[in-house]
């Protein structure tokens, strides 16, 4: 299944989807397939600020614990409490209900440095 064409992807497997003045961020299908069953998500509070490349939280699965990175700098505008309360949403719907945070970017042009869906899928194919 191809990744959504309106998303940009970081090398660390996070998707970034522009939504008006905000950018939604989540983990790619490839990432959640590699993690297997996600059991815990730790995310920052709204209002926290980060630079591109910073770790903004972590995700735990039955296999491992991994950092979550942002490919853009900005302020956390919204946190998906639903995904924090039910981490399995990352596995069942990583591009929908499994989104993690929405960021108000300091420089939206940083999105252009991330991979397109086509580039990402060519590099990290999923079944």
PDB file of N, CA and C in Angstrom:
ATOM      1  N   UNK A   1       0.848  -1.180   0.000  1.00  0.00           N
ATOM      2  CA  UNK A   1       0.000   0.000   0.000  1.00  0.00           C
ATOM      3  C   UNK A   1       0.891   1.240   0.000  1.00  0.00           C
ATOM      4  N   UNK A   2       0.728   2.109  -0.969  1.00  0.00           N
ATOM      5  CA  UNK A   2       1.582   3.300  -1.033  1.00  0.00           C
ATOM      6  C   UNK A   2       1.275   4.291   0.089  1.00  0.00           C
ATOM      7  N   UNK A   3       2.311   5.036   0.461  1.00  0.00           N
ATOM      8  CA  UNK A   3       2.151   6.087   1.462  1.00  0.00           C
ATOM      9  C   UNK A   3       1.352   7.242   0.853  1.00  0.00           C
ATOM     10  N   UNK A   4       0.625   7.999   1.680  1.00  0.00           N
ATOM     11  CA  UNK A   4      -0.148   9.131   1.169  1.00  0.00           C
ATOM     12  C   UNK A   4       0.747  10.147   0.455  1.00  0.00           C
ATOM     13  N   UNK A   5       0.334  10.549  -0.729  1.00  0.00           N
ATOM     14  CA  UNK A   5       1.156  11.440  -1.551  1.00  0.00           C
ATOM     15  C   UNK A   5       1.258  12.857  -0.988  1.00  0.00           C
ATOM     16  N   UNK A   6       0.372  13.221  -0.051  1.00  0.00           N
ATOM     17  CA  UNK A   6       0.433  14.574   0.524  1.00  0.00           C
ATOM     18  C   UNK A   6       1.324  14.654   1.760  1.00  0.00           C
ATOM     19  N   UNK A   7       2.061  13.580   2.035  1.00  0.00           N
ATOM     20  CA  UNK A   7       2.973  13.552   3.180  1.00  0.00           C
ATOM     21  C   UNK A   7       4.421  13.630   2.717  1.00  0.00           C
ATOM     22  N   UNK A   8       5.268  14.161   3.606  1.00  0.00           N
ATOM     23  CA  UNK A   8       6.721  14.164   3.421  1.00  0.00           C
ATOM     24  C   UNK A   8       7.283  13.286   4.529  1.00  0.00           C
ATOM     25  N   UNK A   9       8.420  12.646   4.274  1.00  0.00           N
ATOM     26  CA  UNK A   9       8.935  11.637   5.187  1.00  0.00           C
ATOM     27  C   UNK A   9      10.372  11.910   5.611  1.00  0.00           C
ATOM     28  N   UNK A  10      10.632  11.702   6.903  1.00  0.00           N
ATOM     29  CA  UNK A  10      11.981  11.808   7.443  1.00  0.00           C
ATOM     30  C   UNK A  10      12.667  10.453   7.312  1.00  0.00           C
ATOM     31  N   UNK A  11      13.966  10.487   7.269  1.00  0.00           N
ATOM     32  CA  UNK A  11      14.771   9.262   7.203  1.00  0.00           C
ATOM     33  C   UNK A  11      14.489   8.364   8.414  1.00  0.00           C
ATOM     34  N   UNK A  12      14.057   8.965   9.515  1.00  0.00           N
ATOM     35  CA  UNK A  12      13.767   8.221  10.745  1.00  0.00           C
ATOM     36  C   UNK A  12      12.328   7.690  10.777  1.00  0.00           C
ATOM     37  N   UNK A  13      11.611   7.760   9.642  1.00  0.00           N
ATOM     38  CA  UNK A  13      10.310   7.113   9.420  1.00  0.00           C
ATOM     39  C   UNK A  13       9.095   7.848   9.992  1.00  0.00           C
ATOM     40  N   UNK A  14       9.189   9.154  10.167  1.00  0.00           N
ATOM     41  CA  UNK A  14       8.021   9.943  10.549  1.00  0.00           C
ATOM     42  C   UNK A  14       7.444  10.604   9.299  1.00  0.00           C
ATOM     43  N   UNK A  15       6.113  10.625   9.211  1.00  0.00           N
ATOM     44  CA  UNK A  15       5.462  11.366   8.122  1.00  0.00           C
ATOM     45  C   UNK A  15       5.062  12.736   8.632  1.00  0.00           C
ATOM     46  N   UNK A  16       5.033  13.684   7.713  1.00  0.00           N
ATOM     47  CA  UNK A  16       4.684  15.076   7.988  1.00  0.00           C
ATOM     48  C   UNK A  16       3.672  15.497   6.935  1.00  0.00           C
ATOM     49  N   UNK A  17       2.474  15.862   7.367  1.00  0.00           N
ATOM     50  CA  UNK A  17       1.394  16.208   6.440  1.00  0.00           C
ATOM     51  C   UNK A  17       0.926  17.640   6.696  1.00  0.00           C
ATOM     52  N   UNK A  18       1.131  18.539   5.731  1.00  0.00           N
ATOM     53  CA  UNK A  18       0.632  19.904   5.898  1.00  0.00           C
ATOM     54  C   UNK A  18      -0.893  19.913   6.033  1.00  0.00           C
ATOM     55  N   UNK A  19      -1.379  20.656   7.022  1.00  0.00           N
ATOM     56  CA  UNK A  19      -2.819  20.813   7.260  1.00  0.00           C
ATOM     57  C   UNK A  19      -3.074  22.278   7.591  1.00  0.00           C
ATOM     58  N   UNK A  20      -3.175  23.103   6.556  1.00  0.00           N
ATOM     59  CA  UNK A  20      -3.333  24.539   6.781  1.00  0.00           C
ATOM     60  C   UNK A  20      -2.062  25.128   7.369  1.00  0.00           C
ATOM     61  N   UNK A  21      -2.191  25.808   8.517  1.00  0.00           N
ATOM     62  CA  UNK A  21      -1.030  26.408   9.180  1.00  0.00           C
ATOM     63  C   UNK A  21      -0.246  25.410  10.028  1.00  0.00           C
ATOM     64  N   UNK A  22      -0.751  24.183  10.155  1.00  0.00           N
ATOM     65  CA  UNK A  22      -0.116  23.166  10.981  1.00  0.00           C
ATOM     66  C   UNK A  22       0.419  22.028  10.118  1.00  0.00           C
ATOM     67  N   UNK A  23       1.261  21.215  10.736  1.00  0.00           N
ATOM     68  CA  UNK A  23       1.777  20.012  10.088  1.00  0.00           C
ATOM     69  C   UNK A  23       1.554  18.849  11.050  1.00  0.00           C
ATOM     70  N   UNK A  24       0.750  17.866  10.613  1.00  0.00           N
ATOM     71  CA  UNK A  24       0.540  16.663  11.419  1.00  0.00           C
ATOM     72  C   UNK A  24       1.753  15.753  11.256  1.00  0.00           C
ATOM     73  N   UNK A  25       2.086  15.030  12.318  1.00  0.00           N
ATOM     74  CA  UNK A  25       3.238  14.135  12.312  1.00  0.00           C
ATOM     75  C   UNK A  25       2.813  12.792  12.885  1.00  0.00           C
ATOM     76  N   UNK A  26       3.305  11.721  12.282  1.00  0.00           N
ATOM     77  CA  UNK A  26       3.043  10.377  12.779  1.00  0.00           C
ATOM     78  C   UNK A  26       4.130   9.439  12.298  1.00  0.00           C
ATOM     79  N   UNK A  27       3.986   8.163  12.607  1.00  0.00           N
ATOM     80  CA  UNK A  27       4.950   7.149  12.183  1.00  0.00           C
ATOM     81  C   UNK A  27       4.456   6.473  10.911  1.00  0.00           C
ATOM     82  N   UNK A  28       5.377   6.173  10.023  1.00  0.00           N
ATOM     83  CA  UNK A  28       5.028   5.539   8.753  1.00  0.00           C
ATOM     84  C   UNK A  28       4.580   4.090   8.947  1.00  0.00           C
ATOM     85  N   UNK A  29       3.923   3.566   7.943  1.00  0.00           N
ATOM     86  CA  UNK A  29       3.511   2.155   7.954  1.00  0.00           C
ATOM     87  C   UNK A  29       4.747   1.261   8.092  1.00  0.00           C
ATOM     88  N   UNK A  30       5.833   1.597   7.392  1.00  0.00           N
ATOM     89  CA  UNK A  30       7.067   0.819   7.495  1.00  0.00           C
ATOM     90  C   UNK A  30       7.530   0.770   8.951  1.00  0.00           C
ATOM     91  N   UNK A  31       7.522   1.924   9.634  1.00  0.00           N
ATOM     92  CA  UNK A  31       7.981   1.992  11.023  1.00  0.00           C
ATOM     93  C   UNK A  31       7.125   1.135  11.941  1.00  0.00           C
ATOM     94  N   UNK A  32       5.806   1.265  11.839  1.00  0.00           N
ATOM     95  CA  UNK A  32       4.953   0.499  12.752  1.00  0.00           C
ATOM     96  C   UNK A  32       4.998  -0.997  12.442  1.00  0.00           C
ATOM     97  N   UNK A  33       5.211  -1.354  11.180  1.00  0.00           N
ATOM     98  CA  UNK A  33       5.373  -2.773  10.846  1.00  0.00           C
ATOM     99  C   UNK A  33       6.655  -3.323  11.459  1.00  0.00           C
ATOM    100  N   UNK A  34       7.713  -2.525  11.465  1.00  0.00           N
ATOM    101  CA  UNK A  34       8.975  -2.940  12.072  1.00  0.00           C
ATOM    102  C   UNK A  34       8.861  -3.041  13.591  1.00  0.00           C
ATOM    103  N   UNK A  35       8.114  -2.125  14.194  1.00  0.00           N
ATOM    104  CA  UNK A  35       7.941  -2.133  15.647  1.00  0.00           C
ATOM    105  C   UNK A  35       7.052  -3.282  16.113  1.00  0.00           C
ATOM    106  N   UNK A  36       6.176  -3.736  15.300  1.00  0.00           N
ATOM    107  CA  UNK A  36       5.094  -4.692  15.599  1.00  0.00           C
ATOM    108  C   UNK A  36       4.079  -4.015  16.520  1.00  0.00           C
ATOM    109  N   UNK A  37       3.679  -4.649  17.597  1.00  0.00           N
ATOM    110  CA  UNK A  37       2.598  -4.130  18.433  1.00  0.00           C
ATOM    111  C   UNK A  37       3.066  -2.973  19.320  1.00  0.00           C
ATOM    112  N   UNK A  38       2.592  -1.770  19.011  1.00  0.00           N
ATOM    113  CA  UNK A  38       2.929  -0.582  19.807  1.00  0.00           C
ATOM    114  C   UNK A  38       2.141  -0.638  21.108  1.00  0.00           C
ATOM    115  N   UNK A  39       2.852  -0.478  22.235  1.00  0.00           N
ATOM    116  CA  UNK A  39       2.230  -0.613  23.549  1.00  0.00           C
ATOM    117  C   UNK A  39       2.221   0.678  24.369  1.00  0.00           C
ATOM    118  N   UNK A  40       3.040   1.676  23.979  1.00  0.00           N
ATOM    119  CA  UNK A  40       3.144   2.897  24.770  1.00  0.00           C
ATOM    120  C   UNK A  40       3.658   4.030  23.884  1.00  0.00           C
ATOM    121  N   UNK A  41       3.108   5.230  24.076  1.00  0.00           N
ATOM    122  CA  UNK A  41       3.559   6.415  23.358  1.00  0.00           C
ATOM    123  C   UNK A  41       3.752   7.534  24.370  1.00  0.00           C
ATOM    124  N   UNK A  42       4.911   8.179  24.334  1.00  0.00           N
ATOM    125  CA  UNK A  42       5.212   9.321  25.191  1.00  0.00           C
ATOM    126  C   UNK A  42       5.426  10.529  24.288  1.00  0.00           C
ATOM    127  N   UNK A  43       4.573  11.545  24.454  1.00  0.00           N
ATOM    128  CA  UNK A  43       4.624  12.722  23.599  1.00  0.00           C
ATOM    129  C   UNK A  43       4.779  13.988  24.432  1.00  0.00           C
ATOM    130  N   UNK A  44       5.283  15.071  23.827  1.00  0.00           N
ATOM    131  CA  UNK A  44       5.431  16.335  24.554  1.00  0.00           C
ATOM    132  C   UNK A  44       4.075  16.998  24.778  1.00  0.00           C
ATOM    133  N   UNK A  45       4.065  17.983  25.632  1.00  0.00           N
ATOM    134  CA  UNK A  45       2.846  18.760  25.851  1.00  0.00           C
ATOM    135  C   UNK A  45       2.735  19.848  24.801  1.00  0.00           C
ATOM    136  N   UNK A  46       1.507  20.268  24.526  1.00  0.00           N
ATOM    137  CA  UNK A  46       1.286  21.399  23.632  1.00  0.00           C
ATOM    138  C   UNK A  46       2.042  22.606  24.175  1.00  0.00           C
ATOM    139  N   UNK A  47       2.635  23.360  23.277  1.00  0.00           N
ATOM    140  CA  UNK A  47       3.416  24.527  23.666  1.00  0.00           C
ATOM    141  C   UNK A  47       4.915  24.288  23.654  1.00  0.00           C
ATOM    142  N   UNK A  48       5.337  23.027  23.713  1.00  0.00           N
ATOM    143  CA  UNK A  48       6.766  22.712  23.658  1.00  0.00           C
ATOM    144  C   UNK A  48       7.310  23.061  22.272  1.00  0.00           C
ATOM    145  N   UNK A  49       8.549  23.511  22.206  1.00  0.00           N
ATOM    146  CA  UNK A  49       9.164  23.855  20.931  1.00  0.00           C
ATOM    147  C   UNK A  49      10.356  22.952  20.650  1.00  0.00           C
ATOM    148  N   UNK A  50      10.559  22.685  19.361  1.00  0.00           N
ATOM    149  CA  UNK A  50      11.620  21.787  18.929  1.00  0.00           C
ATOM    150  C   UNK A  50      12.241  22.309  17.646  1.00  0.00           C
ATOM    151  N   UNK A  51      13.468  21.876  17.395  1.00  0.00           N
ATOM    152  CA  UNK A  51      14.146  22.140  16.135  1.00  0.00           C
ATOM    153  C   UNK A  51      14.039  20.909  15.245  1.00  0.00           C
ATOM    154  N   UNK A  52      14.196  21.091  13.953  1.00  0.00           N
ATOM    155  CA  UNK A  52      14.205  19.960  13.030  1.00  0.00           C
ATOM    156  C   UNK A  52      15.287  18.971  13.467  1.00  0.00           C
ATOM    157  N   UNK A  53      14.933  17.704  13.504  1.00  0.00           N
ATOM    158  CA  UNK A  53      15.870  16.657  13.904  1.00  0.00           C
ATOM    159  C   UNK A  53      15.825  16.298  15.375  1.00  0.00           C
ATOM    160  N   UNK A  54      15.105  17.087  16.183  1.00  0.00           N
ATOM    161  CA  UNK A  54      15.001  16.804  17.619  1.00  0.00           C
ATOM    162  C   UNK A  54      14.098  15.612  17.887  1.00  0.00           C
ATOM    163  N   UNK A  55      14.390  14.895  18.963  1.00  0.00           N
ATOM    164  CA  UNK A  55      13.489  13.857  19.462  1.00  0.00           C
ATOM    165  C   UNK A  55      12.346  14.545  20.197  1.00  0.00           C
ATOM    166  N   UNK A  56      11.116  14.178  19.857  1.00  0.00           N
ATOM    167  CA  UNK A  56       9.956  14.801  20.508  1.00  0.00           C
ATOM    168  C   UNK A  56       9.217  13.830  21.424  1.00  0.00           C
ATOM    169  N   UNK A  57       9.684  12.597  21.501  1.00  0.00           N
ATOM    170  CA  UNK A  57       9.033  11.609  22.352  1.00  0.00           C
ATOM    171  C   UNK A  57       9.555  10.230  22.034  1.00  0.00           C
ATOM    172  N   UNK A  58       8.837   9.233  22.512  1.00  0.00           N
ATOM    173  CA  UNK A  58       9.243   7.864  22.197  1.00  0.00           C
ATOM    174  C   UNK A  58       8.036   6.955  22.108  1.00  0.00           C
ATOM    175  N   UNK A  59       8.269   5.859  21.432  1.00  0.00           N
ATOM    176  CA  UNK A  59       7.246   4.844  21.236  1.00  0.00           C
ATOM    177  C   UNK A  59       7.845   3.507  21.669  1.00  0.00           C
ATOM    178  N   UNK A  60       7.045   2.732  22.408  1.00  0.00           N
ATOM    179  CA  UNK A  60       7.487   1.410  22.845  1.00  0.00           C
ATOM    180  C   UNK A  60       6.608   0.361  22.199  1.00  0.00           C
ATOM    181  N   UNK A  61       7.239  -0.756  21.885  1.00  0.00           N
ATOM    182  CA  UNK A  61       6.498  -1.900  21.348  1.00  0.00           C
ATOM    183  C   UNK A  61       6.974  -3.149  22.070  1.00  0.00           C
ATOM    184  N   UNK A  62       6.401  -4.279  21.697  1.00  0.00           N
ATOM    185  CA  UNK A  62       6.825  -5.531  22.313  1.00  0.00           C
ATOM    186  C   UNK A  62       8.271  -5.852  21.937  1.00  0.00           C
ATOM    187  N   UNK A  63       8.790  -5.206  20.874  1.00  0.00           N
ATOM    188  CA  UNK A  63      10.153  -5.464  20.415  1.00  0.00           C
ATOM    189  C   UNK A  63      11.193  -4.494  20.944  1.00  0.00           C
ATOM    190  N   UNK A  64      10.844  -3.197  21.028  1.00  0.00           N
ATOM    191  CA  UNK A  64      11.871  -2.194  21.285  1.00  0.00           C
ATOM    192  C   UNK A  64      11.253  -0.861  21.711  1.00  0.00           C
ATOM    193  N   UNK A  65      12.126   0.056  22.102  1.00  0.00           N
ATOM    194  CA  UNK A  65      11.741   1.446  22.349  1.00  0.00           C
ATOM    195  C   UNK A  65      12.473   2.298  21.330  1.00  0.00           C
ATOM    196  N   UNK A  66      11.761   3.225  20.691  1.00  0.00           N
ATOM    197  CA  UNK A  66      12.363   4.080  19.668  1.00  0.00           C
ATOM    198  C   UNK A  66      11.986   5.532  19.918  1.00  0.00           C
ATOM    199  N   UNK A  67      12.916   6.424  19.605  1.00  0.00           N
ATOM    200  CA  UNK A  67      12.624   7.852  19.665  1.00  0.00           C
ATOM    201  C   UNK A  67      11.753   8.249  18.483  1.00  0.00           C
ATOM    202  N   UNK A  68      10.966   9.295  18.685  1.00  0.00           N
ATOM    203  CA  UNK A  68      10.174   9.923  17.631  1.00  0.00           C
ATOM    204  C   UNK A  68      10.839  11.260  17.347  1.00  0.00           C
ATOM    205  N   UNK A  69      11.143  11.528  16.082  1.00  0.00           N
ATOM    206  CA  UNK A  69      11.829  12.753  15.693  1.00  0.00           C
ATOM    207  C   UNK A  69      10.913  13.636  14.844  1.00  0.00           C
ATOM    208  N   UNK A  70      11.201  14.907  14.845  1.00  0.00           N
ATOM    209  CA  UNK A  70      10.503  15.820  13.952  1.00  0.00           C
ATOM    210  C   UNK A  70      11.452  16.273  12.847  1.00  0.00           C
ATOM    211  N   UNK A  71      10.953  16.310  11.639  1.00  0.00           N
ATOM    212  CA  UNK A  71      11.752  16.763  10.509  1.00  0.00           C
ATOM    213  C   UNK A  71      11.659  18.266  10.298  1.00  0.00           C
ATOM    214  N   UNK A  72      10.837  18.925  11.113  1.00  0.00           N
ATOM    215  CA  UNK A  72      10.670  20.382  11.016  1.00  0.00           C
ATOM    216  C   UNK A  72      10.719  20.981  12.411  1.00  0.00           C
ATOM    217  N   UNK A  73      11.133  22.216  12.491  1.00  0.00           N
ATOM    218  CA  UNK A  73      11.124  22.928  13.762  1.00  0.00           C
ATOM    219  C   UNK A  73       9.792  23.624  13.973  1.00  0.00           C
ATOM    220  N   UNK A  74       9.452  23.833  15.226  1.00  0.00           N
ATOM    221  CA  UNK A  74       8.230  24.557  15.526  1.00  0.00           C
ATOM    222  C   UNK A  74       7.698  24.261  16.904  1.00  0.00           C
ATOM    223  N   UNK A  75       6.453  24.678  17.119  1.00  0.00           N
ATOM    224  CA  UNK A  75       5.776  24.519  18.408  1.00  0.00           C
ATOM    225  C   UNK A  75       4.698  23.449  18.298  1.00  0.00           C
ATOM    226  N   UNK A  76       4.623  22.597  19.307  1.00  0.00           N
ATOM    227  CA  UNK A  76       3.572  21.585  19.350  1.00  0.00           C
ATOM    228  C   UNK A  76       2.249  22.300  19.599  1.00  0.00           C
ATOM    229  N   UNK A  77       1.359  22.228  18.634  1.00  0.00           N
ATOM    230  CA  UNK A  77       0.059  22.898  18.743  1.00  0.00           C
ATOM    231  C   UNK A  77      -1.008  21.973  19.303  1.00  0.00           C
ATOM    232  N   UNK A  78      -0.856  20.681  19.039  1.00  0.00           N
ATOM    233  CA  UNK A  78      -1.870  19.717  19.465  1.00  0.00           C
ATOM    234  C   UNK A  78      -1.221  18.351  19.639  1.00  0.00           C
ATOM    235  N   UNK A  79      -1.678  17.607  20.637  1.00  0.00           N
ATOM    236  CA  UNK A  79      -1.208  16.246  20.895  1.00  0.00           C
ATOM    237  C   UNK A  79      -2.399  15.305  20.761  1.00  0.00           C
ATOM    238  N   UNK A  80      -2.191  14.175  20.114  1.00  0.00           N
ATOM    239  CA  UNK A  80      -3.268  13.206  19.932  1.00  0.00           C
ATOM    240  C   UNK A  80      -3.393  12.331  21.185  1.00  0.00           C
ATOM    241  N   UNK A  81      -4.185  12.799  22.144  1.00  0.00           N
ATOM    242  CA  UNK A  81      -4.384  12.059  23.386  1.00  0.00           C
ATOM    243  C   UNK A  81      -5.035  10.702  23.135  1.00  0.00           C
ATOM    244  N   UNK A  82      -5.792  10.601  22.055  1.00  0.00           N
ATOM    245  CA  UNK A  82      -6.432   9.333  21.705  1.00  0.00           C
ATOM    246  C   UNK A  82      -5.375   8.258  21.422  1.00  0.00           C
ATOM    247  N   UNK A  83      -4.314   8.623  20.708  1.00  0.00           N
ATOM    248  CA  UNK A  83      -3.232   7.680  20.408  1.00  0.00           C
ATOM    249  C   UNK A  83      -2.416   7.356  21.658  1.00  0.00           C
ATOM    250  N   UNK A  84      -2.266   8.338  22.552  1.00  0.00           N
ATOM    251  CA  UNK A  84      -1.556   8.084  23.812  1.00  0.00           C
ATOM    252  C   UNK A  84      -2.352   7.071  24.640  1.00  0.00           C
ATOM    253  N   UNK A  85      -3.674   7.230  24.693  1.00  0.00           N
ATOM    254  CA  UNK A  85      -4.531   6.328  25.452  1.00  0.00           C
ATOM    255  C   UNK A  85      -4.702   4.964  24.812  1.00  0.00           C
ATOM    256  N   UNK A  86      -4.578   4.901  23.489  1.00  0.00           N
ATOM    257  CA  UNK A  86      -4.743   3.647  22.751  1.00  0.00           C
ATOM    258  C   UNK A  86      -3.635   3.542  21.705  1.00  0.00           C
ATOM    259  N   UNK A  87      -2.407   3.173  22.132  1.00  0.00           N
ATOM    260  CA  UNK A  87      -1.270   3.123  21.216  1.00  0.00           C
ATOM    261  C   UNK A  87      -1.471   2.174  20.023  1.00  0.00           C
ATOM    262  N   UNK A  88      -2.417   1.245  20.117  1.00  0.00           N
ATOM    263  CA  UNK A  88      -2.650   0.323  18.998  1.00  0.00           C
ATOM    264  C   UNK A  88      -3.135   1.069  17.752  1.00  0.00           C
ATOM    265  N   UNK A  89      -3.616   2.317  17.919  1.00  0.00           N
ATOM    266  CA  UNK A  89      -4.026   3.120  16.762  1.00  0.00           C
ATOM    267  C   UNK A  89      -2.872   3.344  15.797  1.00  0.00           C
ATOM    268  N   UNK A  90      -1.643   3.366  16.319  1.00  0.00           N
ATOM    269  CA  UNK A  90      -0.489   3.534  15.444  1.00  0.00           C
ATOM    270  C   UNK A  90      -0.358   2.353  14.496  1.00  0.00           C
ATOM    271  N   UNK A  91      -0.678   1.158  14.986  1.00  0.00           N
ATOM    272  CA  UNK A  91      -0.615  -0.031  14.136  1.00  0.00           C
ATOM    273  C   UNK A  91      -1.794  -0.115  13.186  1.00  0.00           C
ATOM    274  N   UNK A  92      -2.985   0.174  13.680  1.00  0.00           N
ATOM    275  CA  UNK A  92      -4.182  -0.020  12.864  1.00  0.00           C
ATOM    276  C   UNK A  92      -4.432   1.109  11.873  1.00  0.00           C
ATOM    277  N   UNK A  93      -4.004   2.337  12.189  1.00  0.00           N
ATOM    278  CA  UNK A  93      -4.310   3.475  11.323  1.00  0.00           C
ATOM    279  C   UNK A  93      -3.214   4.538  11.434  1.00  0.00           C
ATOM    280  N   UNK A  94      -1.973   4.218  11.009  1.00  0.00           N
ATOM    281  CA  UNK A  94      -0.859   5.143  11.227  1.00  0.00           C
ATOM    282  C   UNK A  94      -1.004   6.481  10.521  1.00  0.00           C
ATOM    283  N   UNK A  95      -1.732   6.545   9.397  1.00  0.00           N
ATOM    284  CA  UNK A  95      -1.893   7.800   8.667  1.00  0.00           C
ATOM    285  C   UNK A  95      -3.219   8.491   8.975  1.00  0.00           C
ATOM    286  N   UNK A  96      -4.003   7.912   9.866  1.00  0.00           N
ATOM    287  CA  UNK A  96      -5.300   8.486  10.222  1.00  0.00           C
ATOM    288  C   UNK A  96      -5.353   8.764  11.712  1.00  0.00           C
ATOM    289  N   UNK A  97      -6.128   7.943  12.433  1.00  0.00           N
ATOM    290  CA  UNK A  97      -6.297   8.144  13.878  1.00  0.00           C
ATOM    291  C   UNK A  97      -5.000   7.993  14.664  1.00  0.00           C
ATOM    292  N   UNK A  98      -3.962   7.403  14.053  1.00  0.00           N
ATOM    293  CA  UNK A  98      -2.697   7.190  14.739  1.00  0.00           C
ATOM    294  C   UNK A  98      -1.712   8.346  14.628  1.00  0.00           C
ATOM    295  N   UNK A  99      -2.176   9.524  14.165  1.00  0.00           N
ATOM    296  CA  UNK A  99      -1.269  10.679  14.142  1.00  0.00           C
ATOM    297  C   UNK A  99      -0.829  10.981  15.565  1.00  0.00           C
ATOM    298  N   UNK A 100       0.310  11.652  15.722  1.00  0.00           N
ATOM    299  CA  UNK A 100       0.868  11.877  17.057  1.00  0.00           C
ATOM    300  C   UNK A 100       0.736  13.322  17.532  1.00  0.00           C
ATOM    301  N   UNK A 101       1.266  14.254  16.767  1.00  0.00           N
ATOM    302  CA  UNK A 101       1.213  15.670  17.143  1.00  0.00           C
ATOM    303  C   UNK A 101       0.943  16.518  15.911  1.00  0.00           C
ATOM    304  N   UNK A 102       0.514  17.757  16.160  1.00  0.00           N
ATOM    305  CA  UNK A 102       0.421  18.761  15.106  1.00  0.00           C
ATOM    306  C   UNK A 102       1.340  19.903  15.511  1.00  0.00           C
ATOM    307  N   UNK A 103       2.163  20.321  14.568  1.00  0.00           N
ATOM    308  CA  UNK A 103       3.203  21.312  14.820  1.00  0.00           C
ATOM    309  C   UNK A 103       2.896  22.591  14.051  1.00  0.00           C
ATOM    310  N   UNK A 104       3.077  23.716  14.726  1.00  0.00           N
ATOM    311  CA  UNK A 104       3.035  25.009  14.036  1.00  0.00           C
ATOM    312  C   UNK A 104       4.485  25.289  13.634  1.00  0.00           C
ATOM    313  N   UNK A 105       4.806  25.122  12.333  1.00  0.00           N
ATOM    314  CA  UNK A 105       6.212  25.207  11.922  1.00  0.00           C
ATOM    315  C   UNK A 105       6.770  26.624  11.987  1.00  0.00           C
ATOM    316  N   UNK A 106       8.053  26.718  12.322  1.00  0.00           N
ATOM    317  CA  UNK A 106       8.740  28.001  12.273  1.00  0.00           C
ATOM    318  C   UNK A 106       9.183  28.301  10.850  1.00  0.00           C
ATOM    319  N   UNK A 107       9.387  27.256  10.043  1.00  0.00           N
ATOM    320  CA  UNK A 107       9.802  27.412   8.649  1.00  0.00           C
ATOM    321  C   UNK A 107       9.233  26.249   7.840  1.00  0.00           C
ATOM    322  N   UNK A 108       8.080  26.468   7.230  1.00  0.00           N
ATOM    323  CA  UNK A 108       7.411  25.402   6.470  1.00  0.00           C
ATOM    324  C   UNK A 108       8.257  24.896   5.309  1.00  0.00           C
ATOM    325  N   UNK A 109       9.219  25.678   4.861  1.00  0.00           N
ATOM    326  CA  UNK A 109      10.099  25.251   3.767  1.00  0.00           C
ATOM    327  C   UNK A 109      10.943  24.037   4.164  1.00  0.00           C
ATOM    328  N   UNK A 110      11.084  23.776   5.464  1.00  0.00           N
ATOM    329  CA  UNK A 110      11.835  22.595   5.904  1.00  0.00           C
ATOM    330  C   UNK A 110      11.194  21.305   5.399  1.00  0.00           C
ATOM    331  N   UNK A 111       9.914  21.341   5.105  1.00  0.00           N
ATOM    332  CA  UNK A 111       9.238  20.151   4.569  1.00  0.00           C
ATOM    333  C   UNK A 111       9.872  19.703   3.259  1.00  0.00           C
ATOM    334  N   UNK A 112      10.347  20.662   2.469  1.00  0.00           N
ATOM    335  CA  UNK A 112      10.915  20.330   1.165  1.00  0.00           C
ATOM    336  C   UNK A 112      12.187  19.492   1.272  1.00  0.00           C
ATOM    337  N   UNK A 113      12.861  19.544   2.423  1.00  0.00           N
ATOM    338  CA  UNK A 113      14.070  18.751   2.625  1.00  0.00           C
ATOM    339  C   UNK A 113      13.750  17.281   2.916  1.00  0.00           C
ATOM    340  N   UNK A 114      12.481  16.995   3.219  1.00  0.00           N
ATOM    341  CA  UNK A 114      12.070  15.624   3.524  1.00  0.00           C
ATOM    342  C   UNK A 114      11.718  14.883   2.237  1.00  0.00           C
ATOM    343  N   UNK A 115      11.702  13.557   2.304  1.00  0.00           N
ATOM    344  CA  UNK A 115      11.405  12.737   1.133  1.00  0.00           C
ATOM    345  C   UNK A 115       9.932  12.806   0.753  1.00  0.00           C
ATOM    346  N   UNK A 116       9.671  12.763  -0.540  1.00  0.00           N
ATOM    347  CA  UNK A 116       8.298  12.619  -1.016  1.00  0.00           C
ATOM    348  C   UNK A 116       7.838  11.201  -0.716  1.00  0.00           C
ATOM    349  N   UNK A 117       6.534  10.966  -0.795  1.00  0.00           N
ATOM    350  CA  UNK A 117       6.003   9.621  -0.571  1.00  0.00           C
ATOM    351  C   UNK A 117       6.602   8.635  -1.562  1.00  0.00           C
ATOM    352  N   UNK A 118       6.742   9.058  -2.798  1.00  0.00           N
ATOM    353  CA  UNK A 118       7.308   8.174  -3.827  1.00  0.00           C
ATOM    354  C   UNK A 118       8.756   7.807  -3.499  1.00  0.00           C
ATOM    355  N   UNK A 119       9.549   8.795  -3.087  1.00  0.00           N
ATOM    356  CA  UNK A 119      10.948   8.532  -2.714  1.00  0.00           C
ATOM    357  C   UNK A 119      11.015   7.608  -1.500  1.00  0.00           C
ATOM    358  N   UNK A 120      10.171   7.877  -0.511  1.00  0.00           N
ATOM    359  CA  UNK A 120      10.168   7.074   0.711  1.00  0.00           C
ATOM    360  C   UNK A 120       9.771   5.624   0.410  1.00  0.00           C
ATOM    361  N   UNK A 121       8.698   5.435  -0.350  1.00  0.00           N
ATOM    362  CA  UNK A 121       8.237   4.084  -0.668  1.00  0.00           C
ATOM    363  C   UNK A 121       9.248   3.296  -1.483  1.00  0.00           C
ATOM    364  N   UNK A 122       9.998   3.982  -2.343  1.00  0.00           N
ATOM    365  CA  UNK A 122      11.039   3.305  -3.122  1.00  0.00           C
ATOM    366  C   UNK A 122      12.177   2.833  -2.220  1.00  0.00           C
ATOM    367  N   UNK A 123      12.467   3.615  -1.190  1.00  0.00           N
ATOM    368  CA  UNK A 123      13.569   3.288  -0.282  1.00  0.00           C
ATOM    369  C   UNK A 123      13.138   2.291   0.808  1.00  0.00           C
ATOM    370  N   UNK A 124      11.873   2.408   1.254  1.00  0.00           N
ATOM    371  CA  UNK A 124      11.367   1.566   2.349  1.00  0.00           C
ATOM    372  C   UNK A 124      10.032   0.941   1.948  1.00  0.00           C
ATOM    373  N   UNK A 125      10.055  -0.051   1.074  1.00  0.00           N
ATOM    374  CA  UNK A 125       8.796  -0.658   0.626  1.00  0.00           C
ATOM    375  C   UNK A 125       8.105  -1.432   1.748  1.00  0.00           C
ATOM    376  N   UNK A 126       6.779  -1.422   1.729  1.00  0.00           N
ATOM    377  CA  UNK A 126       5.987  -2.239   2.655  1.00  0.00           C
ATOM    378  C   UNK A 126       5.265  -3.302   1.862  1.00  0.00           C
ATOM    379  N   UNK A 127       4.834  -4.333   2.564  1.00  0.00           N
ATOM    380  CA  UNK A 127       4.161  -5.445   1.891  1.00  0.00           C
ATOM    381  C   UNK A 127       2.786  -5.056   1.420  1.00  0.00           C
TER     382      UNK A 127
END
